[in-house]
């Protein structure tokens, strides 16, 4: 998941697949699912009129989507959480 502010990359949170809680066995096939996301640690100063854009990118060749009971593929989505705090210098 990438976060851009005013078209500049400010956070690149990479998915970690497999490991504890990230392996699913379904119909005898093993799927490595996302077990966690790397966190962006650097604070980002946001001002009025700044444009924030999130972009989620999936490598569905390396990590294919699981088939649903209906025969359709599982959906994918991107989620990013934020904490906003007032600037102590403002």
C-alpha atoms as a PDB file:
ATOM      1  CA  UNK A   1       0.000   0.000   0.000  1.00  0.00           C
ATOM      2  CA  UNK A   2       1.429   3.336  -1.027  1.00  0.00           C
ATOM      3  CA  UNK A   3       0.416   6.718   0.345  1.00  0.00           C
ATOM      4  CA  UNK A   4       1.035   9.805  -1.763  1.00  0.00           C
ATOM      5  CA  UNK A   5       0.719  13.397  -0.639  1.00  0.00           C
ATOM      6  CA  UNK A   6       0.472  15.923  -3.457  1.00  0.00           C
ATOM      7  CA  UNK A   7       1.689  13.198  -5.858  1.00  0.00           C
ATOM      8  CA  UNK A   8       4.841  12.504  -3.788  1.00  0.00           C
ATOM      9  CA  UNK A   9       5.303   9.037  -2.224  1.00  0.00           C
ATOM     10  CA  UNK A  10       5.368   9.521   1.578  1.00  0.00           C
ATOM     11  CA  UNK A  11       4.715   5.948   2.797  1.00  0.00           C
ATOM     12  CA  UNK A  12       5.333   2.515   1.266  1.00  0.00           C
ATOM     13  CA  UNK A  13       3.780  -0.208   3.428  1.00  0.00           C
ATOM     14  CA  UNK A  14       4.755  -3.669   2.139  1.00  0.00           C
ATOM     15  CA  UNK A  15       2.661  -6.788   2.709  1.00  0.00           C
ATOM     16  CA  UNK A  16       4.229  -9.752   4.530  1.00  0.00           C
ATOM     17  CA  UNK A  17       2.817 -13.105   3.384  1.00  0.00           C
ATOM     18  CA  UNK A  18       2.676 -16.442   5.204  1.00  0.00           C
ATOM     19  CA  UNK A  19       3.973 -17.194   8.691  1.00  0.00           C
ATOM     20  CA  UNK A  20       1.768 -17.419  11.765  1.00  0.00           C
ATOM     21  CA  UNK A  21      -1.800 -16.532  10.844  1.00  0.00           C
ATOM     22  CA  UNK A  22      -0.936 -16.127   7.170  1.00  0.00           C
ATOM     23  CA  UNK A  23      -1.316 -19.645   5.788  1.00  0.00           C
ATOM     24  CA  UNK A  24      -4.619 -21.133   4.646  1.00  0.00           C
ATOM     25  CA  UNK A  25      -5.139 -24.685   3.443  1.00  0.00           C
ATOM     26  CA  UNK A  26      -8.300 -25.057   1.349  1.00  0.00           C
ATOM     27  CA  UNK A  27      -9.244 -28.145  -0.663  1.00  0.00           C
ATOM     28  CA  UNK A  28      -5.697 -29.474  -0.241  1.00  0.00           C
ATOM     29  CA  UNK A  29      -4.100 -26.319  -1.668  1.00  0.00           C
ATOM     30  CA  UNK A  30      -1.945 -24.061   0.497  1.00  0.00           C
ATOM     31  CA  UNK A  31      -2.411 -20.299   0.168  1.00  0.00           C
ATOM     32  CA  UNK A  32      -0.065 -17.759   1.715  1.00  0.00           C
ATOM     33  CA  UNK A  33      -2.178 -14.824   2.773  1.00  0.00           C
ATOM     34  CA  UNK A  34      -1.140 -11.446   4.131  1.00  0.00           C
ATOM     35  CA  UNK A  35      -0.161 -11.907   7.771  1.00  0.00           C
ATOM     36  CA  UNK A  36       0.801  -8.310   8.446  1.00  0.00           C
ATOM     37  CA  UNK A  37       1.720  -5.027   6.830  1.00  0.00           C
ATOM     38  CA  UNK A  38       4.920  -3.098   7.424  1.00  0.00           C
ATOM     39  CA  UNK A  39       4.226   0.168   9.231  1.00  0.00           C
ATOM     40  CA  UNK A  40       5.375   3.604   8.156  1.00  0.00           C
ATOM     41  CA  UNK A  41       7.024   5.165  11.187  1.00  0.00           C
ATOM     42  CA  UNK A  42       7.850   8.679   9.990  1.00  0.00           C
ATOM     43  CA  UNK A  43       5.255  11.351  10.867  1.00  0.00           C
ATOM     44  CA  UNK A  44       3.768  13.119   7.860  1.00  0.00           C
ATOM     45  CA  UNK A  45       2.824  16.758   8.247  1.00  0.00           C
ATOM     46  CA  UNK A  46      -0.521  17.363   6.515  1.00  0.00           C
ATOM     47  CA  UNK A  47      -1.816  20.845   5.805  1.00  0.00           C
ATOM     48  CA  UNK A  48      -5.151  22.151   4.593  1.00  0.00           C
ATOM     49  CA  UNK A  49      -5.621  21.473   0.842  1.00  0.00           C
ATOM     50  CA  UNK A  50      -2.994  18.690   0.744  1.00  0.00           C
ATOM     51  CA  UNK A  51      -4.165  15.810  -1.447  1.00  0.00           C
ATOM     52  CA  UNK A  52      -3.728  12.297   0.008  1.00  0.00           C
ATOM     53  CA  UNK A  53      -4.004   9.284  -2.308  1.00  0.00           C
ATOM     54  CA  UNK A  54      -3.730   5.589  -1.383  1.00  0.00           C
ATOM     55  CA  UNK A  55      -2.742   3.024  -3.996  1.00  0.00           C
ATOM     56  CA  UNK A  56      -3.036  -0.718  -3.352  1.00  0.00           C
ATOM     57  CA  UNK A  57      -1.104  -3.001  -5.716  1.00  0.00           C
ATOM     58  CA  UNK A  58      -1.587  -6.786  -5.776  1.00  0.00           C
ATOM     59  CA  UNK A  59       0.734  -9.341  -7.393  1.00  0.00           C
ATOM     60  CA  UNK A  60      -1.952 -11.877  -8.315  1.00  0.00           C
ATOM     61  CA  UNK A  61       0.538 -13.990 -10.249  1.00  0.00           C
ATOM     62  CA  UNK A  62       2.709 -14.561  -7.171  1.00  0.00           C
ATOM     63  CA  UNK A  63      -0.281 -14.628  -4.783  1.00  0.00           C
ATOM     64  CA  UNK A  64      -3.358 -15.716  -6.814  1.00  0.00           C
ATOM     65  CA  UNK A  65      -6.853 -14.998  -5.569  1.00  0.00           C
ATOM     66  CA  UNK A  66      -8.755 -17.919  -4.039  1.00  0.00           C
ATOM     67  CA  UNK A  67     -11.852 -19.214  -5.805  1.00  0.00           C
ATOM     68  CA  UNK A  68     -15.147 -18.761  -3.965  1.00  0.00           C
ATOM     69  CA  UNK A  69     -17.863 -21.421  -3.672  1.00  0.00           C
ATOM     70  CA  UNK A  70     -19.686 -19.569  -6.469  1.00  0.00           C
ATOM     71  CA  UNK A  71     -16.695 -20.091  -8.773  1.00  0.00           C
ATOM     72  CA  UNK A  72     -15.808 -16.404  -8.702  1.00  0.00           C
ATOM     73  CA  UNK A  73     -12.464 -15.148  -7.383  1.00  0.00           C
ATOM     74  CA  UNK A  74     -12.127 -13.626  -3.933  1.00  0.00           C
ATOM     75  CA  UNK A  75     -12.122  -9.853  -3.935  1.00  0.00           C
ATOM     76  CA  UNK A  76      -9.173  -7.735  -2.877  1.00  0.00           C
ATOM     77  CA  UNK A  77      -9.097  -4.439  -1.059  1.00  0.00           C
ATOM     78  CA  UNK A  78      -6.679  -1.944   0.415  1.00  0.00           C
ATOM     79  CA  UNK A  79      -6.966  -0.566   3.931  1.00  0.00           C
ATOM     80  CA  UNK A  80      -4.774   2.024   5.620  1.00  0.00           C
ATOM     81  CA  UNK A  81      -5.302   3.541   9.059  1.00  0.00           C
ATOM     82  CA  UNK A  82      -4.302   7.028  10.142  1.00  0.00           C
ATOM     83  CA  UNK A  83      -3.889   8.897  13.402  1.00  0.00           C
ATOM     84  CA  UNK A  84      -4.134  12.663  13.182  1.00  0.00           C
ATOM     85  CA  UNK A  85      -2.804  14.852  15.985  1.00  0.00           C
ATOM     86  CA  UNK A  86      -2.578  18.638  16.160  1.00  0.00           C
ATOM     87  CA  UNK A  87       0.817  20.192  15.489  1.00  0.00           C
ATOM     88  CA  UNK A  88       2.172  21.393  18.841  1.00  0.00           C
ATOM     89  CA  UNK A  89       3.882  24.308  17.062  1.00  0.00           C
ATOM     90  CA  UNK A  90       0.711  25.558  15.338  1.00  0.00           C
END
